[in-house]
């Protein structure tokens, strides 16, 4: 009986030790992940309440990218999306659009947050206003690299993901983003009216895309 108890204890220690070794090795020295060879295919149309779809245009880039166009009450809405699955490329985009790193002035981007969508930024550039955010798996939207990394530690390290990670079916840290840029012109609109329109659209857009985030 004592022998069996000793063997069982040793087996449990070995099993947990192996699990933590694999997790630790993956966290400290993750295998480099290349850009996907078969690009993620964006749907040609995405339903958007109270807006009429006009057209969509795919771009032949290394990073899958598409531009959706909608109209409502003579207002033209553009939504550009990029699917990025490489950590270095994502970090570069975060640095580019981090509101804290932008120029100072009246048109400096503002970082905002909604309970249902997470963080995003709004900005006026010449005669258009923009809303930008990264839709990321299992987590609220983000607009800074620090927010993104915090989400990875908070939402990627879940017990339900342990087996897929150990089997090599999923990466320990999921570095993917669906970058989303919404914009409308300022024709016949005040800046505040334009921001309100974009924030309303963003809520619907996020709620459609987040549960449909691409599988690995």
Foldseek 3Di string as FASTA:
>chain_A
DVVVVVVVVVVVVVVVVVLVVLVVCCVVPNDFDDQDPDADDDDFDDDFPQWAWDGKDWDPDSWTKMWTWIDHPNWIKIKIKTKDFGQVVVQVQLCVQVLVNDDDDPFRWDWDQDPQAGIWIWGDDVFKIKIKWWQDAQDHIDRHPVVLVVCQVVGLPDPVCSVCCVVVNDRSGGNITTIMMMMIGCVVHDPVRRVVVVVVRVSVVSVRCHVVPDDD
